[in-house]
Protein backbone atom coordinates (compact mmCIF):
# COMPACT_ATOMS: atom_id res chain seq x y z
CA UNK A 1 -10.22 14.25 14.58
CA UNK A 2 -6.36 14.41 13.88
CA UNK A 3 -5.26 14.89 10.40
CA UNK A 4 -3.11 11.96 8.73
CA UNK A 5 0.58 11.96 9.52
CA UNK A 6 3.28 10.61 7.54
CA UNK A 7 4.28 8.10 10.05
CA UNK A 8 3.45 6.88 13.66
CA UNK A 9 6.89 8.32 14.79
CA UNK A 10 9.49 10.73 13.70
CA UNK A 11 12.92 10.01 14.85
CA UNK A 12 15.68 12.48 14.61
CA UNK A 13 19.38 11.70 15.91
CA UNK A 14 23.11 12.39 15.13
CA UNK A 15 24.70 9.49 13.26
CA UNK A 16 28.07 8.03 14.26
CA UNK A 17 29.90 10.66 11.92
CA UNK A 18 28.09 13.61 13.15
CA UNK A 19 25.25 14.04 10.64
CA UNK A 20 21.55 14.45 11.50
CA UNK A 21 19.38 11.50 10.50
CA UNK A 22 15.70 11.63 10.23
CA UNK A 23 13.76 8.40 10.32
CA UNK A 24 9.98 7.88 9.75
CA UNK A 25 8.93 4.89 11.66
CA UNK A 26 5.67 3.22 11.07
CA UNK A 27 4.20 0.47 13.23
CA UNK A 28 2.02 -2.10 11.72
CA UNK A 29 0.42 -5.53 12.48
CA UNK A 30 -0.43 -8.26 10.12
CA UNK A 31 -2.37 -11.34 10.76
CA UNK A 32 -1.21 -12.92 7.53
CA UNK A 33 1.74 -15.15 8.38
CA UNK A 34 4.00 -14.17 5.37
CA UNK A 35 2.75 -10.92 4.11
CA UNK A 36 1.98 -7.35 4.88
CA UNK A 37 -0.79 -5.97 2.47
CA UNK A 38 0.10 -2.74 0.83
CA UNK A 39 -3.23 -1.26 2.17
CA UNK A 40 -1.71 -1.50 5.70
CA UNK A 41 0.71 1.33 4.69
CA UNK A 42 -1.83 3.91 3.60
CA UNK A 43 0.69 6.55 3.44
CA UNK A 44 3.07 4.88 1.10
CA UNK A 45 3.36 7.87 -1.26
CA UNK A 46 3.91 10.22 1.46
CA UNK A 47 6.65 8.02 2.92
CA UNK A 48 8.42 7.71 -0.55
CA UNK A 49 8.63 11.50 -0.88
CA UNK A 50 10.25 11.67 2.50
CA UNK A 51 12.77 8.91 1.44
CA UNK A 52 13.50 10.90 -1.74
CA UNK A 53 14.55 13.67 0.55
CA UNK A 54 17.21 11.35 1.95
CA UNK A 55 15.04 10.55 5.20
CA UNK A 56 15.01 6.87 6.16
CA UNK A 57 11.73 4.90 6.51
CA UNK A 58 11.20 1.86 8.77
CA UNK A 59 8.00 -0.19 8.97
CA UNK A 60 8.01 -2.24 12.08
CA UNK A 61 5.68 -5.05 11.80
CA UNK A 62 3.88 -7.21 14.50
CA UNK A 63 3.39 -10.81 12.91
CA UNK A 64 0.45 -11.90 15.15
CA UNK A 65 0.23 -15.34 13.64
CA UNK A 66 3.61 -16.03 14.83
CA UNK A 67 3.75 -13.58 17.85
CA UNK A 68 7.18 -11.96 16.61
CA UNK A 69 8.31 -8.80 14.95
CA UNK A 70 9.95 -8.01 11.62
CA UNK A 71 10.90 -4.84 9.91
CA UNK A 72 11.15 -3.42 6.43
CA UNK A 73 13.59 -0.53 5.63
CA UNK A 74 14.12 2.06 3.20
CA UNK A 75 17.51 3.59 3.79
CA UNK A 76 20.11 4.92 1.43
CA UNK A 77 22.01 1.72 1.73
CA UNK A 78 18.95 -0.73 1.73
CA UNK A 79 15.68 -0.10 0.11
CA UNK A 80 13.27 -2.91 0.80
CA UNK A 81 10.01 -0.55 0.44
CA UNK A 82 10.39 1.64 -2.67
CA UNK A 83 12.77 -0.28 -4.87
CA UNK A 84 9.57 -1.48 -7.01
CA UNK A 85 8.49 0.01 -10.43
CA UNK A 86 5.16 0.07 -8.68
CA UNK A 87 4.15 -0.65 -5.11
CA UNK A 88 3.40 -4.13 -4.67
CA UNK A 89 0.17 -5.57 -3.62
CA UNK A 90 1.83 -6.96 -0.57
CA UNK A 91 5.40 -7.15 1.11
CA UNK A 92 6.76 -10.63 1.60
CA UNK A 93 7.89 -10.99 5.11
CA UNK A 94 8.71 -14.78 5.31
CA UNK A 95 12.47 -15.57 5.49
CA UNK A 96 13.07 -12.32 7.40
CA UNK A 97 15.04 -12.10 10.66
CA UNK A 98 12.59 -12.20 13.43
CA UNK A 99 12.70 -10.57 16.99
CA UNK A 100 10.85 -11.44 20.12
CA UNK A 101 9.97 -7.83 20.78
CA UNK A 102 9.76 -4.42 19.20
CA UNK A 103 12.60 -3.25 21.32
CA UNK A 104 14.86 -6.00 19.98
CA UNK A 105 14.16 -5.12 16.38
CA UNK A 106 14.59 -1.53 16.87
CA UNK A 107 17.85 -2.17 18.51
CA UNK A 108 18.96 -4.12 15.33
CA UNK A 109 17.91 -1.23 12.99
CA UNK A 110 19.62 1.43 15.30
CA UNK A 111 22.88 -0.44 15.94
């Protein structure tokens, strides 16, 4: 058994102004055509703690009903995950920009 990890991937890079940037990248799948249930992000609390230390968090989601990808992000400039008083029962995903592949979604996030 492998112990629970804070995210599927940990990305560390130097940004455009020379600062180290740490990103916790979680990958999920949702069969619901419009939502990602909070239960899918079991490590929400751990990710929030890392966000409070100025780490970025991205949840990359494959919407299997539509066969496209979307993402939710929590960065110092745009917080879509932890901006609530309490974690919502689910995260709305309709009206989000969609991408045909995970690579296309990640390219948008990292541009």
